[in-house]
Amino acid sequence: MRWSYSASQSFRQCQRQWFFKNIVASARASEPFRRRAYLLSKLQSVSAWRGKVVDEVISKTLVPSLNRRATPTLKVVRQRARDLFDGQLDFALSHPIDDPDLRVSDEGEDFTLLYGMEYGQPPTEQEIEQAWAEIEQALANLYKMSVVRDALKSADYVISQRALQFELMDGVTVLAYPDAVVFSSGRAPLIVDWKVHAFGQSDARLQLAIYAIALSRAKRHSDFPDDFYCKPSDVSLLEAQLLTEAAREHRIDEDEITEAEEYMISSAYEISCLTEGKKYKDLSADDFQTARHAESCQRCSFRTICWETSHAH
């Protein structure tokens, strides 16, 4: 079983939602129900989508340029974001989710599915305009946030959206995707997490602590520094709220490391006890509790298949 922080949050919010996303959904399965679940898992709110555009521009345009010792202007980065935004919006508004020939891998960077298109509330012009305005603002703020800008520009090398994996316990592998890991000579590694929240008040300390543990335990990638080694407490952590220009720097101590480890183990154990190592064919939606709050159902991408049947086969 693969465990991640986002999956643990999903499981605590609604076990059945976790089941549909992590057990049922499959891009390769021939069964239409499983393919439908996979495509439903790709639905995003407008706010999540605009955050994804920001993530993609940073990780695929800005970071590679910095690694080549070139710094693209804000104008260049903004234009790249606009091209991505327009292409993804056109695709999302066509909403080809029921096309039997739709293949995510064939659509490239344009592939985007919006929640409202599936559930009868397409984005309004105002929502689209606001989404673009917030993308522009997030990128402009990134260029103004000196603590983030200086860390990235002075780095020897930055890796972005790279999978970090390690074995937590028998049968459970932790999977983490930090937004950026910054390596600089003579300094501890830095993990940066971008947030594109309108209010920016959430503290990502636990999530970042898990990332630090993952970096310290994961198998070394080929572009890591030679003989790379670190302890979780060595890792510097930076949470960058790009809509508010707030930058929170974190360092975790041994107690917080223990707390994060206990969280991972208890969450993974809870999921493992419920699934008992069973595969899709041996599990049913009836084995998993539904959300405790109706609001969770209203925001859930899987609500149609959850309400249509209590059995996933």
C-alpha atoms as a PDB file:
ATOM      1  CA  MET A   1       0.000   0.000   0.000  1.00  0.00           C
ATOM      2  CA  ARG A   2       1.162   3.509  -0.798  1.00  0.00           C
ATOM      3  CA  TRP A   3       0.490   6.140   1.842  1.00  0.00           C
ATOM      4  CA  SER A   4       0.621   9.896   1.382  1.00  0.00           C
ATOM      5  CA  TYR A   5      -0.374  12.884   3.480  1.00  0.00           C
ATOM      6  CA  SER A   6      -3.134  13.852   1.025  1.00  0.00           C
ATOM      7  CA  ALA A   7      -4.489  10.289   1.007  1.00  0.00           C
ATOM      8  CA  SER A   8      -4.578  10.265   4.809  1.00  0.00           C
ATOM      9  CA  GLN A   9      -6.544  13.500   4.822  1.00  0.00           C
ATOM     10  CA  SER A  10      -8.976  12.079   2.268  1.00  0.00           C
ATOM     11  CA  PHE A  11      -9.424   8.906   4.333  1.00  0.00           C
ATOM     12  CA  ARG A  12     -10.213  10.882   7.479  1.00  0.00           C
ATOM     13  CA  GLN A  13     -12.702  13.059   5.641  1.00  0.00           C
ATOM     14  CA  CYS A  14     -14.471  10.179   3.909  1.00  0.00           C
ATOM     15  CA  GLN A  15     -13.324   6.575   3.768  1.00  0.00           C
ATOM     16  CA  ARG A  16     -15.440   5.891   0.699  1.00  0.00           C
ATOM     17  CA  GLN A  17     -13.881   8.793  -1.182  1.00  0.00           C
ATOM     18  CA  TRP A  18     -10.457   7.310  -0.404  1.00  0.00           C
ATOM     19  CA  PHE A  19     -11.687   3.926  -1.670  1.00  0.00           C
ATOM     20  CA  PHE A  20     -12.865   5.301  -5.005  1.00  0.00           C
ATOM     21  CA  LYS A  21      -9.658   7.249  -5.601  1.00  0.00           C
ATOM     22  CA  ASN A  22      -7.069   4.769  -4.345  1.00  0.00           C
ATOM     23  CA  ILE A  23      -8.647   1.367  -4.997  1.00  0.00           C
ATOM     24  CA  VAL A  24     -11.299   1.721  -7.690  1.00  0.00           C
ATOM     25  CA  ALA A  25      -9.856   4.395  -9.991  1.00  0.00           C
ATOM     26  CA  SER A  26      -7.597   2.949 -12.663  1.00  0.00           C
ATOM     27  CA  ALA A  27      -6.415   4.347 -15.975  1.00  0.00           C
ATOM     28  CA  ARG A  28      -5.431   0.903 -17.249  1.00  0.00           C
ATOM     29  CA  ALA A  29      -8.383  -1.217 -16.185  1.00  0.00           C
ATOM     30  CA  SER A  30     -10.711  -2.365 -18.957  1.00  0.00           C
ATOM     31  CA  GLU A  31     -13.768  -2.139 -16.711  1.00  0.00           C
ATOM     32  CA  PRO A  32     -15.742   1.056 -17.584  1.00  0.00           C
ATOM     33  CA  PHE A  33     -16.649   1.653 -13.928  1.00  0.00           C
ATOM     34  CA  ARG A  34     -13.007   1.836 -12.908  1.00  0.00           C
ATOM     35  CA  ARG A  35     -12.127   4.081 -15.841  1.00  0.00           C
ATOM     36  CA  ARG A  36     -15.001   6.394 -14.951  1.00  0.00           C
ATOM     37  CA  ALA A  37     -13.772   6.574 -11.369  1.00  0.00           C
ATOM     38  CA  TYR A  38     -10.298   7.451 -12.652  1.00  0.00           C
ATOM     39  CA  LEU A  39     -11.607  10.340 -14.751  1.00  0.00           C
ATOM     40  CA  LEU A  40     -13.807  11.563 -11.898  1.00  0.00           C
ATOM     41  CA  SER A  41     -10.702  11.599  -9.699  1.00  0.00           C
ATOM     42  CA  LYS A  42      -9.249  14.223 -12.053  1.00  0.00           C
ATOM     43  CA  LEU A  43     -12.065  16.728 -11.453  1.00  0.00           C
ATOM     44  CA  GLN A  44     -10.881  19.984  -9.886  1.00  0.00           C
ATOM     45  CA  SER A  45     -12.498  23.090  -8.526  1.00  0.00           C
ATOM     46  CA  VAL A  46     -11.625  26.347 -10.285  1.00  0.00           C
ATOM     47  CA  SER A  47      -9.462  27.385  -7.325  1.00  0.00           C
ATOM     48  CA  ALA A  48      -7.573  24.071  -7.327  1.00  0.00           C
ATOM     49  CA  TRP A  49      -7.064  24.365 -11.077  1.00  0.00           C
ATOM     50  CA  ARG A  50      -5.601  27.853 -10.898  1.00  0.00           C
ATOM     51  CA  GLY A  51      -3.239  26.631  -8.172  1.00  0.00           C
ATOM     52  CA  LYS A  52      -2.187  23.784 -10.451  1.00  0.00           C
ATOM     53  CA  VAL A  53      -1.392  26.237 -13.257  1.00  0.00           C
ATOM     54  CA  VAL A  54       0.879  28.145 -10.872  1.00  0.00           C
ATOM     55  CA  ASP A  55       2.545  24.902  -9.759  1.00  0.00           C
ATOM     56  CA  GLU A  56       3.166  23.784 -13.332  1.00  0.00           C
ATOM     57  CA  VAL A  57       4.671  27.095 -14.427  1.00  0.00           C
ATOM     58  CA  ILE A  58       7.032  27.159 -11.450  1.00  0.00           C
ATOM     59  CA  SER A  59       8.090  23.523 -11.707  1.00  0.00           C
ATOM     60  CA  LYS A  60       8.321  23.245 -15.521  1.00  0.00           C
ATOM     61  CA  THR A  61       9.406  26.744 -16.573  1.00  0.00           C
ATOM     62  CA  LEU A  62      10.963  28.675 -13.699  1.00  0.00           C
ATOM     63  CA  VAL A  63      12.895  25.927 -11.901  1.00  0.00           C
ATOM     64  CA  PRO A  64      14.484  24.382 -15.042  1.00  0.00           C
ATOM     65  CA  SER A  65      15.595  27.867 -16.130  1.00  0.00           C
ATOM     66  CA  LEU A  66      17.176  28.564 -12.744  1.00  0.00           C
ATOM     67  CA  ASN A  67      19.028  25.252 -12.926  1.00  0.00           C
ATOM     68  CA  ARG A  68      20.512  26.450 -16.231  1.00  0.00           C
ATOM     69  CA  ARG A  69      21.592  29.639 -14.454  1.00  0.00           C
ATOM     70  CA  ALA A  70      19.023  31.695 -16.340  1.00  0.00           C
ATOM     71  CA  THR A  71      16.250  33.711 -14.725  1.00  0.00           C
ATOM     72  CA  PRO A  72      13.175  34.193 -16.910  1.00  0.00           C
ATOM     73  CA  THR A  73      11.456  37.536 -16.575  1.00  0.00           C
ATOM     74  CA  LEU A  74       8.072  37.765 -14.943  1.00  0.00           C
ATOM     75  CA  LYS A  75       6.670  38.654 -18.374  1.00  0.00           C
ATOM     76  CA  VAL A  76       7.929  35.359 -19.824  1.00  0.00           C
ATOM     77  CA  VAL A  77       6.585  33.347 -16.914  1.00  0.00           C
ATOM     78  CA  ARG A  78       3.230  35.134 -17.065  1.00  0.00           C
ATOM     79  CA  GLN A  79       2.912  34.444 -20.798  1.00  0.00           C
ATOM     80  CA  ARG A  80       3.679  30.776 -20.233  1.00  0.00           C
ATOM     81  CA  ALA A  81       0.961  30.714 -17.575  1.00  0.00           C
ATOM     82  CA  ARG A  82      -1.483  32.407 -19.968  1.00  0.00           C
ATOM     83  CA  ASP A  83      -0.834  29.841 -22.690  1.00  0.00           C
ATOM     84  CA  LEU A  84      -1.336  27.019 -20.222  1.00  0.00           C
ATOM     85  CA  PHE A  85      -4.447  28.648 -18.757  1.00  0.00           C
ATOM     86  CA  ASP A  86      -6.099  29.172 -22.139  1.00  0.00           C
ATOM     87  CA  GLY A  87      -5.337  25.679 -23.425  1.00  0.00           C
ATOM     88  CA  GLN A  88      -6.562  23.989 -20.257  1.00  0.00           C
ATOM     89  CA  LEU A  89      -9.680  26.149 -20.072  1.00  0.00           C
ATOM     90  CA  ASP A  90     -10.652  25.294 -23.657  1.00  0.00           C
ATOM     91  CA  PHE A  91     -10.221  21.595 -22.921  1.00  0.00           C
ATOM     92  CA  ALA A  92     -12.120  21.801 -19.625  1.00  0.00           C
ATOM     93  CA  LEU A  93     -15.084  23.598 -21.189  1.00  0.00           C
ATOM     94  CA  SER A  94     -15.386  20.884 -23.845  1.00  0.00           C
ATOM     95  CA  HIS A  95     -15.669  18.380 -20.956  1.00  0.00           C
ATOM     96  CA  PRO A  96     -15.014  15.154 -22.896  1.00  0.00           C
ATOM     97  CA  ILE A  97     -15.200  12.963 -19.792  1.00  0.00           C
ATOM     98  CA  ASP A  98     -17.730  10.599 -21.410  1.00  0.00           C
ATOM     99  CA  ASP A  99     -15.728  10.170 -24.616  1.00  0.00           C
ATOM    100  CA  PRO A 100     -14.714   6.474 -24.680  1.00  0.00           C
ATOM    101  CA  ASP A 101     -11.613   7.387 -26.705  1.00  0.00           C
ATOM    102  CA  LEU A 102     -10.353   9.955 -24.180  1.00  0.00           C
ATOM    103  CA  ARG A 103      -6.849   9.127 -22.981  1.00  0.00           C
ATOM    104  CA  VAL A 104      -5.206  11.420 -20.464  1.00  0.00           C
ATOM    105  CA  SER A 105      -1.721  10.679 -21.761  1.00  0.00           C
ATOM    106  CA  ASP A 106      -2.722  11.745 -25.290  1.00  0.00           C
ATOM    107  CA  GLU A 107      -3.904  15.199 -24.237  1.00  0.00           C
ATOM    108  CA  GLY A 108      -0.636  16.442 -22.767  1.00  0.00           C
ATOM    109  CA  GLU A 109      -0.610  19.596 -20.683  1.00  0.00           C
ATOM    110  CA  ASP A 110      -4.074  20.693 -21.843  1.00  0.00           C
ATOM    111  CA  PHE A 111      -5.854  17.903 -19.984  1.00  0.00           C
ATOM    112  CA  THR A 112      -8.101  19.473 -17.343  1.00  0.00           C
ATOM    113  CA  LEU A 113     -11.481  18.457 -15.950  1.00  0.00           C
ATOM    114  CA  LEU A 114     -13.487  20.895 -13.850  1.00  0.00           C
ATOM    115  CA  TYR A 115     -15.873  19.792 -11.128  1.00  0.00           C
ATOM    116  CA  GLY A 116     -18.596  22.223 -12.109  1.00  0.00           C
ATOM    117  CA  MET A 117     -18.739  20.920 -15.674  1.00  0.00           C
ATOM    118  CA  GLU A 118     -19.637  17.471 -14.393  1.00  0.00           C
ATOM    119  CA  TYR A 119     -22.113  18.620 -11.776  1.00  0.00           C
ATOM    120  CA  GLY A 120     -24.044  21.286 -13.632  1.00  0.00           C
ATOM    121  CA  GLN A 121     -22.258  24.470 -12.571  1.00  0.00           C
ATOM    122  CA  PRO A 122     -19.827  25.547 -15.310  1.00  0.00           C
ATOM    123  CA  PRO A 123     -17.465  28.349 -14.274  1.00  0.00           C
ATOM    124  CA  THR A 124     -18.837  31.837 -14.765  1.00  0.00           C
ATOM    125  CA  GLU A 125     -16.946  34.542 -16.619  1.00  0.00           C
ATOM    126  CA  GLN A 126     -16.323  36.210 -13.273  1.00  0.00           C
ATOM    127  CA  GLU A 127     -14.805  33.016 -11.822  1.00  0.00           C
ATOM    128  CA  ILE A 128     -12.564  32.591 -14.865  1.00  0.00           C
ATOM    129  CA  GLU A 129     -11.405  36.205 -14.724  1.00  0.00           C
ATOM    130  CA  GLN A 130     -10.734  35.920 -10.991  1.00  0.00           C
ATOM    131  CA  ALA A 131      -8.781  32.692 -11.480  1.00  0.00           C
ATOM    132  CA  TRP A 132      -6.503  34.348 -14.030  1.00  0.00           C
ATOM    133  CA  ALA A 133      -6.090  37.471 -11.887  1.00  0.00           C
ATOM    134  CA  GLU A 134      -5.019  35.299  -8.951  1.00  0.00           C
ATOM    135  CA  ILE A 135      -2.547  33.385 -11.116  1.00  0.00           C
ATOM    136  CA  GLU A 136      -0.994  36.698 -12.174  1.00  0.00           C
ATOM    137  CA  GLN A 137      -0.916  37.869  -8.566  1.00  0.00           C
ATOM    138  CA  ALA A 138       0.654  34.648  -7.284  1.00  0.00           C
ATOM    139  CA  LEU A 139       3.445  34.789  -9.858  1.00  0.00           C
ATOM    140  CA  ALA A 140       4.073  38.499  -9.279  1.00  0.00           C
ATOM    141  CA  ASN A 141       4.261  37.889  -5.532  1.00  0.00           C
ATOM    142  CA  LEU A 142       6.701  35.012  -6.036  1.00  0.00           C
ATOM    143  CA  TYR A 143       9.085  37.384  -7.802  1.00  0.00           C
ATOM    144  CA  LYS A 144       8.736  39.884  -4.947  1.00  0.00           C
ATOM    145  CA  MET A 145       9.192  37.437  -2.054  1.00  0.00           C
ATOM    146  CA  SER A 146      12.905  37.854  -1.373  1.00  0.00           C
ATOM    147  CA  VAL A 147      13.231  34.887   0.984  1.00  0.00           C
ATOM    148  CA  VAL A 148      11.945  32.537  -1.730  1.00  0.00           C
ATOM    149  CA  ARG A 149      13.588  34.283  -4.665  1.00  0.00           C
ATOM    150  CA  ASP A 150      17.031  34.422  -3.045  1.00  0.00           C
ATOM    151  CA  ALA A 151      16.893  30.762  -1.953  1.00  0.00           C
ATOM    152  CA  LEU A 152      16.053  29.597  -5.480  1.00  0.00           C
ATOM    153  CA  LYS A 153      18.508  31.857  -7.328  1.00  0.00           C
ATOM    154  CA  SER A 154      21.462  31.045  -5.049  1.00  0.00           C
ATOM    155  CA  ALA A 155      20.889  27.284  -5.098  1.00  0.00           C
ATOM    156  CA  ASP A 156      23.295  24.838  -6.662  1.00  0.00           C
ATOM    157  CA  TYR A 157      20.369  22.789  -7.873  1.00  0.00           C
ATOM    158  CA  VAL A 158      16.592  22.640  -7.383  1.00  0.00           C
ATOM    159  CA  ILE A 159      14.412  19.588  -7.933  1.00  0.00           C
ATOM    160  CA  SER A 160      10.702  20.089  -8.352  1.00  0.00           C
ATOM    161  CA  GLN A 161       7.714  17.770  -7.869  1.00  0.00           C
ATOM    162  CA  ARG A 162      10.005  14.772  -7.416  1.00  0.00           C
ATOM    163  CA  ALA A 163       8.665  11.611  -5.808  1.00  0.00           C
ATOM    164  CA  LEU A 164      10.299  10.696  -2.493  1.00  0.00           C
ATOM    165  CA  GLN A 165       9.547   7.164  -1.304  1.00  0.00           C
ATOM    166  CA  PHE A 166      10.493   5.123   1.735  1.00  0.00           C
ATOM    167  CA  GLU A 167       9.191   2.099   3.562  1.00  0.00           C
ATOM    168  CA  LEU A 168       7.222   3.051   6.664  1.00  0.00           C
ATOM    169  CA  MET A 169       6.370  -0.457   7.824  1.00  0.00           C
ATOM    170  CA  ASP A 170       5.747  -3.853   6.277  1.00  0.00           C
ATOM    171  CA  GLY A 171       3.588  -3.433   3.200  1.00  0.00           C
ATOM    172  CA  VAL A 172       3.371   0.373   3.456  1.00  0.00           C
ATOM    173  CA  THR A 173       5.408   2.806   1.356  1.00  0.00           C
ATOM    174  CA  VAL A 174       5.245   6.542   2.005  1.00  0.00           C
ATOM    175  CA  LEU A 175       5.062   8.701  -1.115  1.00  0.00           C
ATOM    176  CA  ALA A 176       5.767  12.451  -0.910  1.00  0.00           C
ATOM    177  CA  TYR A 177       5.946  15.121  -3.626  1.00  0.00           C
ATOM    178  CA  PRO A 178       7.527  18.320  -2.263  1.00  0.00           C
ATOM    179  CA  ASP A 179       7.016  21.319  -4.531  1.00  0.00           C
ATOM    180  CA  ALA A 180      10.749  22.036  -4.486  1.00  0.00           C
ATOM    181  CA  VAL A 181      13.870  20.726  -2.777  1.00  0.00           C
ATOM    182  CA  VAL A 182      16.726  23.244  -2.806  1.00  0.00           C
ATOM    183  CA  PHE A 183      20.335  22.095  -2.533  1.00  0.00           C
ATOM    184  CA  SER A 184      23.044  24.665  -1.766  1.00  0.00           C
ATOM    185  CA  SER A 185      26.696  24.057  -0.890  1.00  0.00           C
ATOM    186  CA  GLY A 186      27.448  24.446   2.790  1.00  0.00           C
ATOM    187  CA  ARG A 187      23.778  24.688   3.762  1.00  0.00           C
ATOM    188  CA  ALA A 188      21.110  22.256   4.858  1.00  0.00           C
ATOM    189  CA  PRO A 189      18.598  21.244   2.164  1.00  0.00           C
ATOM    190  CA  LEU A 190      15.503  23.429   1.949  1.00  0.00           C
ATOM    191  CA  ILE A 191      12.015  22.193   1.128  1.00  0.00           C
ATOM    192  CA  VAL A 192       9.658  24.819  -0.299  1.00  0.00           C
ATOM    193  CA  ASP A 193       5.892  24.327  -0.416  1.00  0.00           C
ATOM    194  CA  TRP A 194       3.831  26.722  -2.544  1.00  0.00           C
ATOM    195  CA  LYS A 195       0.311  27.558  -1.425  1.00  0.00           C
ATOM    196  CA  VAL A 196      -2.168  29.518  -3.533  1.00  0.00           C
ATOM    197  CA  HIS A 197      -4.847  30.134  -0.923  1.00  0.00           C
ATOM    198  CA  ALA A 198      -6.905  33.320  -0.826  1.00  0.00           C
ATOM    199  CA  PHE A 199      -6.605  33.547   2.954  1.00  0.00           C
ATOM    200  CA  GLY A 200      -3.341  31.693   3.491  1.00  0.00           C
ATOM    201  CA  GLN A 201      -3.953  30.993   7.163  1.00  0.00           C
ATOM    202  CA  SER A 202      -3.331  27.234   7.242  1.00  0.00           C
ATOM    203  CA  ASP A 203      -0.071  26.037   8.737  1.00  0.00           C
ATOM    204  CA  ALA A 204       1.495  23.194   6.767  1.00  0.00           C
ATOM    205  CA  ARG A 205       3.926  22.198   9.530  1.00  0.00           C
ATOM    206  CA  LEU A 206       2.822  18.549   9.725  1.00  0.00           C
ATOM    207  CA  GLN A 207       2.898  18.112   5.955  1.00  0.00           C
ATOM    208  CA  LEU A 208       6.343  19.714   5.758  1.00  0.00           C
ATOM    209  CA  ALA A 209       7.615  17.552   8.616  1.00  0.00           C
ATOM    210  CA  ILE A 210       6.557  14.473   6.652  1.00  0.00           C
ATOM    211  CA  TYR A 211       8.402  15.839   3.608  1.00  0.00           C
ATOM    212  CA  ALA A 212      11.544  16.324   5.712  1.00  0.00           C
ATOM    213  CA  ILE A 213      11.340  12.737   6.965  1.00  0.00           C
ATOM    214  CA  ALA A 214      10.818  11.509   3.398  1.00  0.00           C
ATOM    215  CA  LEU A 215      13.858  13.447   2.148  1.00  0.00           C
ATOM    216  CA  SER A 216      16.019  11.971   4.895  1.00  0.00           C
ATOM    217  CA  ARG A 217      14.922   8.381   4.247  1.00  0.00           C
ATOM    218  CA  ALA A 218      14.173   8.214   0.520  1.00  0.00           C
ATOM    219  CA  LYS A 219      16.465   6.489  -1.925  1.00  0.00           C
ATOM    220  CA  ARG A 220      18.946   9.006  -3.330  1.00  0.00           C
ATOM    221  CA  HIS A 221      18.071  10.291  -6.815  1.00  0.00           C
ATOM    222  CA  SER A 222      20.813  10.564  -9.415  1.00  0.00           C
ATOM    223  CA  ASP A 223      20.809  14.374  -9.351  1.00  0.00           C
ATOM    224  CA  PHE A 224      21.067  14.622  -5.562  1.00  0.00           C
ATOM    225  CA  PRO A 225      24.420  15.892  -4.261  1.00  0.00           C
ATOM    226  CA  ASP A 226      27.127  13.247  -3.980  1.00  0.00           C
ATOM    227  CA  ASP A 227      26.996  11.322  -0.707  1.00  0.00           C
ATOM    228  CA  PHE A 228      23.778  13.120   0.219  1.00  0.00           C
ATOM    229  CA  TYR A 229      22.609  12.523   3.769  1.00  0.00           C
ATOM    230  CA  CYS A 230      20.481  14.536   6.154  1.00  0.00           C
ATOM    231  CA  LYS A 231      18.453  14.147   9.297  1.00  0.00           C
ATOM    232  CA  PRO A 232      14.862  15.438   9.301  1.00  0.00           C
ATOM    233  CA  SER A 233      15.796  18.050  11.891  1.00  0.00           C
ATOM    234  CA  ASP A 234      18.527  19.361   9.550  1.00  0.00           C
ATOM    235  CA  VAL A 235      16.066  20.253   6.792  1.00  0.00           C
ATOM    236  CA  SER A 236      14.906  23.846   6.462  1.00  0.00           C
ATOM    237  CA  LEU A 237      11.228  24.202   5.604  1.00  0.00           C
ATOM    238  CA  LEU A 238       9.552  27.120   3.885  1.00  0.00           C
ATOM    239  CA  GLU A 239       5.824  27.560   3.325  1.00  0.00           C
ATOM    240  CA  ALA A 240       5.178  30.255   0.718  1.00  0.00           C
ATOM    241  CA  GLN A 241       1.649  31.665   0.530  1.00  0.00           C
ATOM    242  CA  LEU A 242       1.758  33.197  -2.923  1.00  0.00           C
ATOM    243  CA  LEU A 243      -1.498  35.148  -2.784  1.00  0.00           C
ATOM    244  CA  THR A 244      -0.698  36.879   0.494  1.00  0.00           C
ATOM    245  CA  GLU A 245       3.112  37.139   0.207  1.00  0.00           C
ATOM    246  CA  ALA A 246       3.373  35.366   3.549  1.00  0.00           C
ATOM    247  CA  ALA A 247       6.434  33.166   3.993  1.00  0.00           C
ATOM    248  CA  ARG A 248       6.587  30.869   7.020  1.00  0.00           C
ATOM    249  CA  GLU A 249       9.931  29.314   7.853  1.00  0.00           C
ATOM    250  CA  HIS A 250       9.854  26.128   9.907  1.00  0.00           C
ATOM    251  CA  ARG A 251      12.420  23.943  11.624  1.00  0.00           C
ATOM    252  CA  ILE A 252      11.234  20.767  13.275  1.00  0.00           C
ATOM    253  CA  ASP A 253      12.609  19.310  16.471  1.00  0.00           C
ATOM    254  CA  GLU A 254      12.732  15.696  17.623  1.00  0.00           C
ATOM    255  CA  ASP A 255       9.315  15.898  19.284  1.00  0.00           C
ATOM    256  CA  GLU A 256       7.713  17.101  16.046  1.00  0.00           C
ATOM    257  CA  ILE A 257       9.496  14.389  14.087  1.00  0.00           C
ATOM    258  CA  THR A 258       8.119  11.795  16.498  1.00  0.00           C
ATOM    259  CA  GLU A 259       4.637  13.342  16.207  1.00  0.00           C
ATOM    260  CA  ALA A 260       4.788  13.179  12.394  1.00  0.00           C
ATOM    261  CA  GLU A 261       6.004   9.565  12.496  1.00  0.00           C
ATOM    262  CA  GLU A 262       3.192   8.617  14.860  1.00  0.00           C
ATOM    263  CA  TYR A 263       0.672  10.313  12.575  1.00  0.00           C
ATOM    264  CA  MET A 264       1.919   8.373   9.555  1.00  0.00           C
ATOM    265  CA  ILE A 265       1.968   5.047  11.387  1.00  0.00           C
ATOM    266  CA  SER A 266      -1.457   5.455  12.995  1.00  0.00           C
ATOM    267  CA  SER A 267      -3.054   6.565   9.710  1.00  0.00           C
ATOM    268  CA  ALA A 268      -1.410   3.779   7.688  1.00  0.00           C
ATOM    269  CA  TYR A 269      -2.381   1.218  10.340  1.00  0.00           C
ATOM    270  CA  GLU A 270      -6.015   2.378  10.293  1.00  0.00           C
ATOM    271  CA  ILE A 271      -6.191   2.045   6.505  1.00  0.00           C
ATOM    272  CA  SER A 272      -4.355  -1.303   6.530  1.00  0.00           C
ATOM    273  CA  CYS A 273      -6.706  -2.742   9.127  1.00  0.00           C
ATOM    274  CA  LEU A 274      -9.705  -1.808   7.004  1.00  0.00           C
ATOM    275  CA  THR A 275      -8.337  -3.068   3.698  1.00  0.00           C
ATOM    276  CA  GLU A 276      -6.365  -6.038   5.114  1.00  0.00           C
ATOM    277  CA  GLY A 277      -4.210  -6.158   2.011  1.00  0.00           C
ATOM    278  CA  LYS A 278      -7.190  -6.926  -0.212  1.00  0.00           C
ATOM    279  CA  LYS A 279      -7.348  -5.861  -3.829  1.00  0.00           C
ATOM    280  CA  TYR A 280     -10.172  -4.208  -5.758  1.00  0.00           C
ATOM    281  CA  LYS A 281     -12.066  -7.416  -6.542  1.00  0.00           C
ATOM    282  CA  ASP A 282     -12.246  -8.317  -2.847  1.00  0.00           C
ATOM    283  CA  LEU A 283     -13.471  -4.941  -1.596  1.00  0.00           C
ATOM    284  CA  SER A 284     -16.790  -3.124  -1.763  1.00  0.00           C
ATOM    285  CA  ALA A 285     -17.834   0.468  -1.180  1.00  0.00           C
ATOM    286  CA  ASP A 286     -19.995  -0.930   1.629  1.00  0.00           C
ATOM    287  CA  ASP A 287     -16.786  -1.725   3.529  1.00  0.00           C
ATOM    288  CA  PHE A 288     -16.038   1.983   3.883  1.00  0.00           C
ATOM    289  CA  GLN A 289     -17.814   4.669   5.894  1.00  0.00           C
ATOM    290  CA  THR A 290     -19.318   7.666   4.144  1.00  0.00           C
ATOM    291  CA  ALA A 291     -18.544  11.260   5.101  1.00  0.00           C
ATOM    292  CA  ARG A 292     -19.907  12.536   8.386  1.00  0.00           C
ATOM    293  CA  HIS A 293     -20.770  15.952   6.973  1.00  0.00           C
ATOM    294  CA  ALA A 294     -23.064  16.600   4.010  1.00  0.00           C
ATOM    295  CA  GLU A 295     -20.778  19.419   2.846  1.00  0.00           C
ATOM    296  CA  SER A 296     -18.092  16.856   2.086  1.00  0.00           C
ATOM    297  CA  CYS A 297     -20.464  15.024  -0.257  1.00  0.00           C
ATOM    298  CA  GLN A 298     -21.328  18.207  -2.114  1.00  0.00           C
ATOM    299  CA  ARG A 299     -17.643  18.785  -2.898  1.00  0.00           C
ATOM    300  CA  CYS A 300     -16.820  15.162  -3.710  1.00  0.00           C
ATOM    301  CA  SER A 301     -15.860  14.200  -7.257  1.00  0.00           C
ATOM    302  CA  PHE A 302     -17.237  10.689  -6.777  1.00  0.00           C
ATOM    303  CA  ARG A 303     -20.700  11.567  -5.552  1.00  0.00           C
ATOM    304  CA  THR A 304     -22.505  10.194  -8.631  1.00  0.00           C
ATOM    305  CA  ILE A 305     -20.952   6.730  -8.452  1.00  0.00           C
ATOM    306  CA  CYS A 306     -21.233   6.754  -4.670  1.00  0.00           C
ATOM    307  CA  TRP A 307     -24.945   7.568  -4.793  1.00  0.00           C
ATOM    308  CA  GLU A 308     -25.710   5.342  -7.788  1.00  0.00           C
ATOM    309  CA  THR A 309     -24.548   2.207  -6.071  1.00  0.00           C
ATOM    310  CA  SER A 310     -23.331   1.069  -2.710  1.00  0.00           C
ATOM    311  CA  HIS A 311     -21.331  -1.652  -4.425  1.00  0.00           C
ATOM    312  CA  ALA A 312     -18.279  -0.933  -6.554  1.00  0.00           C
ATOM    313  CA  HIS A 313     -18.551  -3.953  -8.831  1.00  0.00           C
END
